[in-house]
Amino acid sequence: MARNRVTQRQLAEHLKVTQGLIYQWLSGHRKVSAEKVLSVCEATDWQITPHELRPDIYPNQTDGIPIELSADFWDRRRAERRAAERRDGERRDHERRGPDSPVDHGPEDAA
């Protein structure tokens, strides 16, 4: 919930459920009900997808996402993947050079 800036309490109030139920969803003790999946996604501004909550009901990554948001979804996923690949590449380069070598942060280090 923190990544979406929605507290458990806020989500519970929005969905008209108890904060305890939200905790059970987050801890994996209970699945989000089929009736609440889209409401949870909407409350988090679609930062959490129906597929992430209930892949058994929404087997494809964009299932349940409003069509006008699906392009944004894929753009965001591509950006996240590129950032992760860049971090992994930098980590591998640093490991190859050894733990005592300085980290190269790009052209600005050359000055």
PDB file of N, CA and C in Angstrom:
ATOM      1  N   MET A   1       0.806  -1.198   0.000  1.00  0.00           N
ATOM      2  CA  MET A   1       0.000   0.000   0.000  1.00  0.00           C
ATOM      3  C   MET A   1       0.851   1.265   0.000  1.00  0.00           C
ATOM      4  N   ALA A   2       2.032   1.192   0.605  1.00  0.00           N
ATOM      5  CA  ALA A   2       2.846   2.391   0.721  1.00  0.00           C
ATOM      6  C   ALA A   2       3.258   2.940  -0.640  1.00  0.00           C
ATOM      7  N   ARG A   3       3.551   2.038  -1.594  1.00  0.00           N
ATOM      8  CA  ARG A   3       3.990   2.538  -2.895  1.00  0.00           C
ATOM      9  C   ARG A   3       2.894   3.337  -3.588  1.00  0.00           C
ATOM     10  N   ASN A   4       1.666   3.150  -3.179  1.00  0.00           N
ATOM     11  CA  ASN A   4       0.539   3.828  -3.813  1.00  0.00           C
ATOM     12  C   ASN A   4       0.033   5.004  -2.992  1.00  0.00           C
ATOM     13  N   ARG A   5       0.635   5.230  -1.849  1.00  0.00           N
ATOM     14  CA  ARG A   5       0.259   6.322  -0.966  1.00  0.00           C
ATOM     15  C   ARG A   5      -1.195   6.236  -0.511  1.00  0.00           C
ATOM     16  N   VAL A   6      -1.680   5.028  -0.392  1.00  0.00           N
ATOM     17  CA  VAL A   6      -3.015   4.791   0.149  1.00  0.00           C
ATOM     18  C   VAL A   6      -2.820   3.955   1.403  1.00  0.00           C
ATOM     19  N   THR A   7      -3.303   4.444   2.525  1.00  0.00           N
ATOM     20  CA  THR A   7      -3.149   3.676   3.755  1.00  0.00           C
ATOM     21  C   THR A   7      -4.206   2.580   3.826  1.00  0.00           C
ATOM     22  N   GLN A   8      -3.957   1.612   4.693  1.00  0.00           N
ATOM     23  CA  GLN A   8      -4.944   0.557   4.901  1.00  0.00           C
ATOM     24  C   GLN A   8      -6.272   1.161   5.356  1.00  0.00           C
ATOM     25  N   ARG A   9      -6.188   2.128   6.233  1.00  0.00           N
ATOM     26  CA  ARG A   9      -7.408   2.755   6.746  1.00  0.00           C
ATOM     27  C   ARG A   9      -8.186   3.449   5.628  1.00  0.00           C
ATOM     28  N   GLN A  10      -7.476   4.210   4.794  1.00  0.00           N
ATOM     29  CA  GLN A  10      -8.134   4.909   3.685  1.00  0.00           C
ATOM     30  C   GLN A  10      -8.790   3.925   2.725  1.00  0.00           C
ATOM     31  N   LEU A  11      -8.080   2.858   2.413  1.00  0.00           N
ATOM     32  CA  LEU A  11      -8.628   1.860   1.501  1.00  0.00           C
ATOM     33  C   LEU A  11      -9.849   1.188   2.118  1.00  0.00           C
ATOM     34  N   ALA A  12      -9.766   0.863   3.393  1.00  0.00           N
ATOM     35  CA  ALA A  12     -10.898   0.229   4.077  1.00  0.00           C
ATOM     36  C   ALA A  12     -12.121   1.141   4.055  1.00  0.00           C
ATOM     37  N   GLU A  13     -11.923   2.416   4.340  1.00  0.00           N
ATOM     38  CA  GLU A  13     -13.044   3.360   4.319  1.00  0.00           C
ATOM     39  C   GLU A  13     -13.629   3.481   2.916  1.00  0.00           C
ATOM     40  N   HIS A  14     -12.762   3.554   1.919  1.00  0.00           N
ATOM     41  CA  HIS A  14     -13.213   3.684   0.529  1.00  0.00           C
ATOM     42  C   HIS A  14     -14.036   2.468   0.099  1.00  0.00           C
ATOM     43  N   LEU A  15     -13.589   1.285   0.507  1.00  0.00           N
ATOM     44  CA  LEU A  15     -14.251   0.044   0.090  1.00  0.00           C
ATOM     45  C   LEU A  15     -15.376  -0.384   1.032  1.00  0.00           C
ATOM     46  N   LYS A  16     -15.500   0.346   2.142  1.00  0.00           N
ATOM     47  CA  LYS A  16     -16.513   0.018   3.153  1.00  0.00           C
ATOM     48  C   LYS A  16     -16.313  -1.399   3.704  1.00  0.00           C
ATOM     49  N   VAL A  17     -15.042  -1.665   4.056  1.00  0.00           N
ATOM     50  CA  VAL A  17     -14.678  -2.919   4.711  1.00  0.00           C
ATOM     51  C   VAL A  17     -13.830  -2.554   5.925  1.00  0.00           C
ATOM     52  N   THR A  18     -13.468  -3.547   6.720  1.00  0.00           N
ATOM     53  CA  THR A  18     -12.649  -3.267   7.899  1.00  0.00           C
ATOM     54  C   THR A  18     -11.171  -3.206   7.520  1.00  0.00           C
ATOM     55  N   GLN A  19     -10.419  -2.491   8.349  1.00  0.00           N
ATOM     56  CA  GLN A  19      -8.977  -2.445   8.142  1.00  0.00           C
ATOM     57  C   GLN A  19      -8.390  -3.840   8.340  1.00  0.00           C
ATOM     58  N   GLY A  20      -8.999  -4.628   9.215  1.00  0.00           N
ATOM     59  CA  GLY A  20      -8.553  -6.005   9.429  1.00  0.00           C
ATOM     60  C   GLY A  20      -8.619  -6.834   8.154  1.00  0.00           C
ATOM     61  N   LEU A  21      -9.665  -6.628   7.363  1.00  0.00           N
ATOM     62  CA  LEU A  21      -9.786  -7.357   6.101  1.00  0.00           C
ATOM     63  C   LEU A  21      -8.683  -6.925   5.135  1.00  0.00           C
ATOM     64  N   ILE A  22      -8.392  -5.641   5.102  1.00  0.00           N
ATOM     65  CA  ILE A  22      -7.305  -5.150   4.243  1.00  0.00           C
ATOM     66  C   ILE A  22      -5.996  -5.826   4.652  1.00  0.00           C
ATOM     67  N   TYR A  23      -5.747  -5.902   5.959  1.00  0.00           N
ATOM     68  CA  TYR A  23      -4.538  -6.566   6.448  1.00  0.00           C
ATOM     69  C   TYR A  23      -4.505  -8.031   6.000  1.00  0.00           C
ATOM     70  N   GLN A  24      -5.630  -8.711   6.086  1.00  0.00           N
ATOM     71  CA  GLN A  24      -5.681 -10.116   5.671  1.00  0.00           C
ATOM     72  C   GLN A  24      -5.364 -10.261   4.184  1.00  0.00           C
ATOM     73  N   TRP A  25      -5.823  -9.321   3.367  1.00  0.00           N
ATOM     74  CA  TRP A  25      -5.492  -9.347   1.941  1.00  0.00           C
ATOM     75  C   TRP A  25      -3.989  -9.170   1.747  1.00  0.00           C
ATOM     76  N   LEU A  26      -3.430  -8.162   2.429  1.00  0.00           N
ATOM     77  CA  LEU A  26      -2.009  -7.857   2.263  1.00  0.00           C
ATOM     78  C   LEU A  26      -1.107  -8.972   2.773  1.00  0.00           C
ATOM     79  N   SER A  27      -1.521  -9.623   3.837  1.00  0.00           N
ATOM     80  CA  SER A  27      -0.700 -10.688   4.422  1.00  0.00           C
ATOM     81  C   SER A  27      -0.880 -12.022   3.714  1.00  0.00           C
ATOM     82  N   GLY A  28      -1.854 -12.088   2.811  1.00  0.00           N
ATOM     83  CA  GLY A  28      -2.091 -13.319   2.074  1.00  0.00           C
ATOM     84  C   GLY A  28      -2.984 -14.314   2.783  1.00  0.00           C
ATOM     85  N   HIS A  29      -3.557 -13.926   3.915  1.00  0.00           N
ATOM     86  CA  HIS A  29      -4.456 -14.826   4.639  1.00  0.00           C
ATOM     87  C   HIS A  29      -5.791 -14.997   3.922  1.00  0.00           C
ATOM     88  N   ARG A  30      -6.167 -13.994   3.150  1.00  0.00           N
ATOM     89  CA  ARG A  30      -7.404 -14.046   2.359  1.00  0.00           C
ATOM     90  C   ARG A  30      -7.146 -13.423   0.999  1.00  0.00           C
ATOM     91  N   LYS A  31      -7.869 -13.917   0.008  1.00  0.00           N
ATOM     92  CA  LYS A  31      -7.815 -13.311  -1.318  1.00  0.00           C
ATOM     93  C   LYS A  31      -8.802 -12.153  -1.374  1.00  0.00           C
ATOM     94  N   VAL A  32      -8.461 -11.157  -2.170  1.00  0.00           N
ATOM     95  CA  VAL A  32      -9.401 -10.066  -2.425  1.00  0.00           C
ATOM     96  C   VAL A  32     -10.584 -10.678  -3.158  1.00  0.00           C
ATOM     97  N   SER A  33     -11.786 -10.382  -2.701  1.00  0.00           N
ATOM     98  CA  SER A  33     -12.970 -10.960  -3.339  1.00  0.00           C
ATOM     99  C   SER A  33     -13.101 -10.446  -4.766  1.00  0.00           C
ATOM    100  N   ALA A  34     -13.682 -11.264  -5.606  1.00  0.00           N
ATOM    101  CA  ALA A  34     -13.873 -10.892  -7.013  1.00  0.00           C
ATOM    102  C   ALA A  34     -14.634  -9.577  -7.129  1.00  0.00           C
ATOM    103  N   GLU A  35     -15.571  -9.353  -6.212  1.00  0.00           N
ATOM    104  CA  GLU A  35     -16.386  -8.136  -6.252  1.00  0.00           C
ATOM    105  C   GLU A  35     -15.583  -6.883  -5.909  1.00  0.00           C
ATOM    106  N   LYS A  36     -14.471  -7.034  -5.183  1.00  0.00           N
ATOM    107  CA  LYS A  36     -13.698  -5.873  -4.721  1.00  0.00           C
ATOM    108  C   LYS A  36     -12.442  -5.593  -5.551  1.00  0.00           C
ATOM    109  N   VAL A  37     -12.038  -6.520  -6.402  1.00  0.00           N
ATOM    110  CA  VAL A  37     -10.779  -6.370  -7.136  1.00  0.00           C
ATOM    111  C   VAL A  37     -10.696  -5.039  -7.880  1.00  0.00           C
ATOM    112  N   LEU A  38     -11.668  -4.749  -8.719  1.00  0.00           N
ATOM    113  CA  LEU A  38     -11.604  -3.522  -9.524  1.00  0.00           C
ATOM    114  C   LEU A  38     -11.677  -2.273  -8.657  1.00  0.00           C
ATOM    115  N   SER A  39     -12.418  -2.338  -7.559  1.00  0.00           N
ATOM    116  CA  SER A  39     -12.494  -1.189  -6.649  1.00  0.00           C
ATOM    117  C   SER A  39     -11.145  -0.923  -5.992  1.00  0.00           C
ATOM    118  N   VAL A  40     -10.434  -1.986  -5.620  1.00  0.00           N
ATOM    119  CA  VAL A  40      -9.098  -1.824  -5.036  1.00  0.00           C
ATOM    120  C   VAL A  40      -8.166  -1.181  -6.060  1.00  0.00           C
ATOM    121  N   CYS A  41      -8.203  -1.677  -7.279  1.00  0.00           N
ATOM    122  CA  CYS A  41      -7.337  -1.140  -8.335  1.00  0.00           C
ATOM    123  C   CYS A  41      -7.634   0.332  -8.594  1.00  0.00           C
ATOM    124  N   GLU A  42      -8.897   0.648  -8.671  1.00  0.00           N
ATOM    125  CA  GLU A  42      -9.294   2.035  -8.901  1.00  0.00           C
ATOM    126  C   GLU A  42      -8.847   2.925  -7.744  1.00  0.00           C
ATOM    127  N   ALA A  43      -8.989   2.438  -6.504  1.00  0.00           N
ATOM    128  CA  ALA A  43      -8.606   3.221  -5.325  1.00  0.00           C
ATOM    129  C   ALA A  43      -7.107   3.496  -5.289  1.00  0.00           C
ATOM    130  N   THR A  44      -6.314   2.616  -5.901  1.00  0.00           N
ATOM    131  CA  THR A  44      -4.865   2.810  -5.944  1.00  0.00           C
ATOM    132  C   THR A  44      -4.425   3.450  -7.258  1.00  0.00           C
ATOM    133  N   ASP A  45      -5.388   4.024  -7.965  1.00  0.00           N
ATOM    134  CA  ASP A  45      -5.117   4.683  -9.245  1.00  0.00           C
ATOM    135  C   ASP A  45      -4.457   3.722 -10.230  1.00  0.00           C
ATOM    136  N   TRP A  46      -4.872   2.462 -10.169  1.00  0.00           N
ATOM    137  CA  TRP A  46      -4.431   1.405 -11.078  1.00  0.00           C
ATOM    138  C   TRP A  46      -2.942   1.110 -10.971  1.00  0.00           C
ATOM    139  N   GLN A  47      -2.324   1.491  -9.841  1.00  0.00           N
ATOM    140  CA  GLN A  47      -0.931   1.115  -9.599  1.00  0.00           C
ATOM    141  C   GLN A  47      -0.843  -0.372  -9.261  1.00  0.00           C
ATOM    142  N   ILE A  48      -1.926  -0.908  -8.761  1.00  0.00           N
ATOM    143  CA  ILE A  48      -2.072  -2.352  -8.554  1.00  0.00           C
ATOM    144  C   ILE A  48      -3.079  -2.812  -9.596  1.00  0.00           C
ATOM    145  N   THR A  49      -2.760  -3.877 -10.293  1.00  0.00           N
ATOM    146  CA  THR A  49      -3.633  -4.343 -11.372  1.00  0.00           C
ATOM    147  C   THR A  49      -4.495  -5.516 -10.916  1.00  0.00           C
ATOM    148  N   PRO A  50      -5.615  -5.738 -11.595  1.00  0.00           N
ATOM    149  CA  PRO A  50      -6.443  -6.906 -11.287  1.00  0.00           C
ATOM    150  C   PRO A  50      -5.642  -8.208 -11.384  1.00  0.00           C
ATOM    151  N   HIS A  51      -4.753  -8.287 -12.354  1.00  0.00           N
ATOM    152  CA  HIS A  51      -3.917  -9.483 -12.520  1.00  0.00           C
ATOM    153  C   HIS A  51      -3.040  -9.722 -11.296  1.00  0.00           C
ATOM    154  N   GLU A  52      -2.497  -8.651 -10.709  1.00  0.00           N
ATOM    155  CA  GLU A  52      -1.650  -8.799  -9.523  1.00  0.00           C
ATOM    156  C   GLU A  52      -2.453  -9.288  -8.322  1.00  0.00           C
ATOM    157  N   LEU A  53      -3.695  -8.849  -8.223  1.00  0.00           N
ATOM    158  CA  LEU A  53      -4.534  -9.249  -7.087  1.00  0.00           C
ATOM    159  C   LEU A  53      -5.125 -10.640  -7.245  1.00  0.00           C
ATOM    160  N   ARG A  54      -5.614 -10.938  -8.438  1.00  0.00           N
ATOM    161  CA  ARG A  54      -6.306 -12.207  -8.669  1.00  0.00           C
ATOM    162  C   ARG A  54      -5.971 -12.769 -10.049  1.00  0.00           C
ATOM    163  N   PRO A  55      -4.769 -13.320 -10.211  1.00  0.00           N
ATOM    164  CA  PRO A  55      -4.412 -13.877 -11.517  1.00  0.00           C
ATOM    165  C   PRO A  55      -5.301 -15.051 -11.925  1.00  0.00           C
ATOM    166  N   ASP A  56      -5.981 -15.650 -10.949  1.00  0.00           N
ATOM    167  CA  ASP A  56      -6.899 -16.746 -11.275  1.00  0.00           C
ATOM    168  C   ASP A  56      -8.137 -16.231 -12.013  1.00  0.00           C
ATOM    169  N   ILE A  57      -8.503 -14.981 -11.772  1.00  0.00           N
ATOM    170  CA  ILE A  57      -9.672 -14.377 -12.420  1.00  0.00           C
ATOM    171  C   ILE A  57      -9.247 -13.520 -13.615  1.00  0.00           C
ATOM    172  N   TYR A  58      -8.099 -12.854 -13.489  1.00  0.00           N
ATOM    173  CA  TYR A  58      -7.573 -11.962 -14.526  1.00  0.00           C
ATOM    174  C   TYR A  58      -6.216 -12.505 -14.990  1.00  0.00           C
ATOM    175  N   PRO A  59      -6.206 -13.534 -15.845  1.00  0.00           N
ATOM    176  CA  PRO A  59      -4.950 -14.210 -16.196  1.00  0.00           C
ATOM    177  C   PRO A  59      -3.972 -13.383 -17.032  1.00  0.00           C
ATOM    178  N   ASN A  60      -4.450 -12.415 -17.769  1.00  0.00           N
ATOM    179  CA  ASN A  60      -3.567 -11.572 -18.584  1.00  0.00           C
ATOM    180  C   ASN A  60      -3.274 -10.270 -17.853  1.00  0.00           C
ATOM    181  N   GLN A  61      -2.074  -9.741 -18.047  1.00  0.00           N
ATOM    182  CA  GLN A  61      -1.642  -8.555 -17.300  1.00  0.00           C
ATOM    183  C   GLN A  61      -2.559  -7.355 -17.444  1.00  0.00           C
ATOM    184  N   THR A  62      -3.211  -7.205 -18.576  1.00  0.00           N
ATOM    185  CA  THR A  62      -4.066  -6.029 -18.768  1.00  0.00           C
ATOM    186  C   THR A  62      -5.549  -6.330 -18.577  1.00  0.00           C
ATOM    187  N   ASP A  63      -5.899  -7.551 -18.220  1.00  0.00           N
ATOM    188  CA  ASP A  63      -7.311  -7.873 -17.981  1.00  0.00           C
ATOM    189  C   ASP A  63      -7.871  -6.983 -16.877  1.00  0.00           C
ATOM    190  N   GLY A  64      -9.021  -6.413 -17.126  1.00  0.00           N
ATOM    191  CA  GLY A  64      -9.701  -5.593 -16.134  1.00  0.00           C
ATOM    192  C   GLY A  64      -9.281  -4.140 -16.121  1.00  0.00           C
ATOM    193  N   ILE A  65      -8.189  -3.808 -16.790  1.00  0.00           N
ATOM    194  CA  ILE A  65      -7.720  -2.419 -16.826  1.00  0.00           C
ATOM    195  C   ILE A  65      -8.525  -1.670 -17.881  1.00  0.00           C
ATOM    196  N   PRO A  66      -9.059  -0.493 -17.545  1.00  0.00           N
ATOM    197  CA  PRO A  66      -9.803   0.276 -18.545  1.00  0.00           C
ATOM    198  C   PRO A  66      -8.951   0.515 -19.789  1.00  0.00           C
ATOM    199  N   ILE A  67      -9.561   0.405 -20.942  1.00  0.00           N
ATOM    200  CA  ILE A  67      -8.841   0.501 -22.214  1.00  0.00           C
ATOM    201  C   ILE A  67      -8.050   1.799 -22.332  1.00  0.00           C
ATOM    202  N   GLU A  68      -8.596   2.889 -21.806  1.00  0.00           N
ATOM    203  CA  GLU A  68      -7.885   4.169 -21.920  1.00  0.00           C
ATOM    204  C   GLU A  68      -6.617   4.200 -21.066  1.00  0.00           C
ATOM    205  N   LEU A  69      -6.481   3.267 -20.128  1.00  0.00           N
ATOM    206  CA  LEU A  69      -5.288   3.220 -19.284  1.00  0.00           C
ATOM    207  C   LEU A  69      -4.290   2.160 -19.725  1.00  0.00           C
ATOM    208  N   SER A  70      -4.686   1.267 -20.613  1.00  0.00           N
ATOM    209  CA  SER A  70      -3.815   0.139 -20.935  1.00  0.00           C
ATOM    210  C   SER A  70      -2.517   0.576 -21.616  1.00  0.00           C
ATOM    211  N   ALA A  71      -2.534   1.613 -22.442  1.00  0.00           N
ATOM    212  CA  ALA A  71      -1.292   2.096 -23.062  1.00  0.00           C
ATOM    213  C   ALA A  71      -0.354   2.641 -21.993  1.00  0.00           C
ATOM    214  N   ASP A  72      -0.897   3.392 -21.029  1.00  0.00           N
ATOM    215  CA  ASP A  72      -0.083   3.896 -19.923  1.00  0.00           C
ATOM    216  C   ASP A  72       0.510   2.745 -19.129  1.00  0.00           C
ATOM    217  N   PHE A  73      -0.262   1.690 -18.938  1.00  0.00           N
ATOM    218  CA  PHE A  73       0.202   0.514 -18.205  1.00  0.00           C
ATOM    219  C   PHE A  73       1.456  -0.052 -18.866  1.00  0.00           C
ATOM    220  N   TRP A  74       1.395  -0.255 -20.174  1.00  0.00           N
ATOM    221  CA  TRP A  74       2.536  -0.846 -20.874  1.00  0.00           C
ATOM    222  C   TRP A  74       3.718   0.107 -20.902  1.00  0.00           C
ATOM    223  N   ASP A  75       3.481   1.399 -21.034  1.00  0.00           N
ATOM    224  CA  ASP A  75       4.577   2.373 -20.990  1.00  0.00           C
ATOM    225  C   ASP A  75       5.278   2.317 -19.636  1.00  0.00           C
ATOM    226  N   ARG A  76       4.497   2.260 -18.566  1.00  0.00           N
ATOM    227  CA  ARG A  76       5.048   2.197 -17.212  1.00  0.00           C
ATOM    228  C   ARG A  76       5.844   0.907 -17.017  1.00  0.00           C
ATOM    229  N   ARG A  77       5.299  -0.216 -17.490  1.00  0.00           N
ATOM    230  CA  ARG A  77       5.997  -1.504 -17.356  1.00  0.00           C
ATOM    231  C   ARG A  77       7.322  -1.488 -18.126  1.00  0.00           C
ATOM    232  N   ARG A  78       7.322  -0.928 -19.334  1.00  0.00           N
ATOM    233  CA  ARG A  78       8.557  -0.857 -20.116  1.00  0.00           C
ATOM    234  C   ARG A  78       9.595   0.007 -19.401  1.00  0.00           C
ATOM    235  N   ALA A  79       9.172   1.131 -18.855  1.00  0.00           N
ATOM    236  CA  ALA A  79      10.094   2.016 -18.138  1.00  0.00           C
ATOM    237  C   ALA A  79      10.660   1.316 -16.908  1.00  0.00           C
ATOM    238  N   GLU A  80       9.819   0.592 -16.177  1.00  0.00           N
ATOM    239  CA  GLU A  80      10.286  -0.155 -15.004  1.00  0.00           C
ATOM    240  C   GLU A  80      11.295  -1.220 -15.414  1.00  0.00           C
ATOM    241  N   ARG A  81      11.016  -1.925 -16.505  1.00  0.00           N
ATOM    242  CA  ARG A  81      11.921  -2.974 -16.979  1.00  0.00           C
ATOM    243  C   ARG A  81      13.262  -2.384 -17.402  1.00  0.00           C
ATOM    244  N   ARG A  82      13.234  -1.260 -18.145  1.00  0.00           N
ATOM    245  CA  ARG A  82      14.484  -0.623 -18.569  1.00  0.00           C
ATOM    246  C   ARG A  82      15.309  -0.178 -17.365  1.00  0.00           C
ATOM    247  N   ALA A  83      14.653   0.398 -16.364  1.00  0.00           N
ATOM    248  CA  ALA A  83      15.368   0.847 -15.168  1.00  0.00           C
ATOM    249  C   ALA A  83      15.998  -0.339 -14.442  1.00  0.00           C
ATOM    250  N   ALA A  84      15.265  -1.438 -14.334  1.00  0.00           N
ATOM    251  CA  ALA A  84      15.794  -2.634 -13.670  1.00  0.00           C
ATOM    252  C   ALA A  84      16.970  -3.210 -14.451  1.00  0.00           C
ATOM    253  N   GLU A  85      16.861  -3.252 -15.771  1.00  0.00           N
ATOM    254  CA  GLU A  85      17.958  -3.761 -16.598  1.00  0.00           C
ATOM    255  C   GLU A  85      19.196  -2.877 -16.461  1.00  0.00           C
ATOM    256  N   ARG A  86      18.993  -1.565 -16.401  1.00  0.00           N
ATOM    257  CA  ARG A  86      20.103  -0.635 -16.240  1.00  0.00           C
ATOM    258  C   ARG A  86      20.788  -0.856 -14.887  1.00  0.00           C
ATOM    259  N   ARG A  87      19.997  -0.999 -13.820  1.00  0.00           N
ATOM    260  CA  ARG A  87      20.571  -1.254 -12.494  1.00  0.00           C
ATOM    261  C   ARG A  87      21.334  -2.573 -12.472  1.00  0.00           C
ATOM    262  N   ASP A  88      20.755  -3.609 -13.081  1.00  0.00           N
ATOM    263  CA  ASP A  88      21.420  -4.913 -13.115  1.00  0.00           C
ATOM    264  C   ASP A  88      22.737  -4.829 -13.875  1.00  0.00           C
ATOM    265  N   GLY A  89      22.738  -4.117 -14.994  1.00  0.00           N
ATOM    266  CA  GLY A  89      23.964  -3.955 -15.773  1.00  0.00           C
ATOM    267  C   GLY A  89      25.034  -3.217 -14.991  1.00  0.00           C
ATOM    268  N   GLU A  90      24.649  -2.158 -14.293  1.00  0.00           N
ATOM    269  CA  GLU A  90      25.601  -1.407 -13.478  1.00  0.00           C
ATOM    270  C   GLU A  90      26.153  -2.273 -12.356  1.00  0.00           C
ATOM    271  N   ARG A  91      25.287  -3.071 -11.739  1.00  0.00           N
ATOM    272  CA  ARG A  91      25.725  -3.959 -10.663  1.00  0.00           C
ATOM    273  C   ARG A  91      26.716  -4.994 -11.190  1.00  0.00           C
ATOM    274  N   ARG A  92      26.408  -5.600 -12.351  1.00  0.00           N
ATOM    275  CA  ARG A  92      27.310  -6.598 -12.936  1.00  0.00           C
ATOM    276  C   ARG A  92      28.655  -5.973 -13.296  1.00  0.00           C
ATOM    277  N   ASP A  93      28.630  -4.770 -13.873  1.00  0.00           N
ATOM    278  CA  ASP A  93      29.876  -4.083 -14.218  1.00  0.00           C
ATOM    279  C   ASP A  93      30.712  -3.829 -12.969  1.00  0.00           C
ATOM    280  N   HIS A  94      30.071  -3.382 -11.911  1.00  0.00           N
ATOM    281  CA  HIS A  94      30.769  -3.106 -10.660  1.00  0.00           C
ATOM    282  C   HIS A  94      31.355  -4.388 -10.080  1.00  0.00           C
ATOM    283  N   GLU A  95      30.604  -5.487 -10.140  1.00  0.00           N
ATOM    284  CA  GLU A  95      31.098  -6.765  -9.622  1.00  0.00           C
ATOM    285  C   GLU A  95      32.289  -7.253 -10.436  1.00  0.00           C
ATOM    286  N   ARG A  96      32.272  -7.035 -11.747  1.00  0.00           N
ATOM    287  CA  ARG A  96      33.389  -7.452 -12.609  1.00  0.00           C
ATOM    288  C   ARG A  96      34.660  -6.668 -12.283  1.00  0.00           C
ATOM    289  N   ARG A  97      34.501  -5.380 -12.002  1.00  0.00           N
ATOM    290  CA  ARG A  97      35.664  -4.531 -11.707  1.00  0.00           C
ATOM    291  C   ARG A  97      36.219  -4.804 -10.324  1.00  0.00           C
ATOM    292  N   GLY A  98      35.402  -5.313  -9.433  1.00  0.00           N
ATOM    293  CA  GLY A  98      35.851  -5.591  -8.075  1.00  0.00           C
ATOM    294  C   GLY A  98      35.235  -4.630  -7.085  1.00  0.00           C
ATOM    295  N   PRO A  99      35.167  -5.045  -5.829  1.00  0.00           N
ATOM    296  CA  PRO A  99      34.471  -4.246  -4.809  1.00  0.00           C
ATOM    297  C   PRO A  99      35.150  -2.927  -4.475  1.00  0.00           C
ATOM    298  N   ASP A 100      36.468  -2.805  -4.728  1.00  0.00           N
ATOM    299  CA  ASP A 100      37.169  -1.571  -4.366  1.00  0.00           C
ATOM    300  C   ASP A 100      37.232  -0.557  -5.494  1.00  0.00           C
ATOM    301  N   SER A 101      36.717  -0.922  -6.667  1.00  0.00           N
ATOM    302  CA  SER A 101      36.779   0.005  -7.794  1.00  0.00           C
ATOM    303  C   SER A 101      35.697   1.072  -7.656  1.00  0.00           C
ATOM    304  N   PRO A 102      35.999   2.282  -8.126  1.00  0.00           N
ATOM    305  CA  PRO A 102      34.977   3.344  -8.054  1.00  0.00           C
ATOM    306  C   PRO A 102      33.816   3.032  -8.992  1.00  0.00           C
ATOM    307  N   VAL A 103      32.669   3.493  -8.624  1.00  0.00           N
ATOM    308  CA  VAL A 103      31.480   3.299  -9.447  1.00  0.00           C
ATOM    309  C   VAL A 103      31.434   4.403 -10.479  1.00  0.00           C
ATOM    310  N   ASP A 104      31.281   4.032 -11.751  1.00  0.00           N
ATOM    311  CA  ASP A 104      31.183   5.007 -12.838  1.00  0.00           C
ATOM    312  C   ASP A 104      29.733   5.448 -12.955  1.00  0.00           C
ATOM    313  N   HIS A 105      29.485   6.736 -12.768  1.00  0.00           N
ATOM    314  CA  HIS A 105      28.122   7.268 -12.832  1.00  0.00           C
ATOM    315  C   HIS A 105      27.815   7.912 -14.166  1.00  0.00           C
ATOM    316  N   GLY A 106      28.695   7.774 -15.124  1.00  0.00           N
ATOM    317  CA  GLY A 106      28.417   8.332 -16.441  1.00  0.00           C
ATOM    318  C   GLY A 106      29.382   9.441 -16.814  1.00  0.00           C
ATOM    319  N   PRO A 107      29.049  10.196 -17.862  1.00  0.00           N
ATOM    320  CA  PRO A 107      29.941  11.225 -18.413  1.00  0.00           C
ATOM    321  C   PRO A 107      30.312  12.313 -17.419  1.00  0.00           C
ATOM    322  N   GLU A 108      29.455  12.611 -16.470  1.00  0.00           N
ATOM    323  CA  GLU A 108      29.760  13.698 -15.534  1.00  0.00           C
ATOM    324  C   GLU A 108      30.958  13.360 -14.655  1.00  0.00           C
ATOM    325  N   ASP A 109      31.298  12.046 -14.498  1.00  0.00           N
ATOM    326  CA  ASP A 109      32.466  11.665 -13.709  1.00  0.00           C
ATOM    327  C   ASP A 109      33.770  11.972 -14.437  1.00  0.00           C
ATOM    328  N   ALA A 110      33.707  12.114 -15.760  1.00  0.00           N
ATOM    329  CA  ALA A 110      34.908  12.333 -16.558  1.00  0.00           C
ATOM    330  C   ALA A 110      35.497  13.724 -16.341  1.00  0.00           C
ATOM    331  N   ALA A 111      34.713  14.662 -15.892  1.00  0.00           N
ATOM    332  CA  ALA A 111      35.170  16.048 -15.727  1.00  0.00           C
ATOM    333  C   ALA A 111      36.113  16.219 -14.568  1.00  0.00           C
TER     334      ALA A 111
END
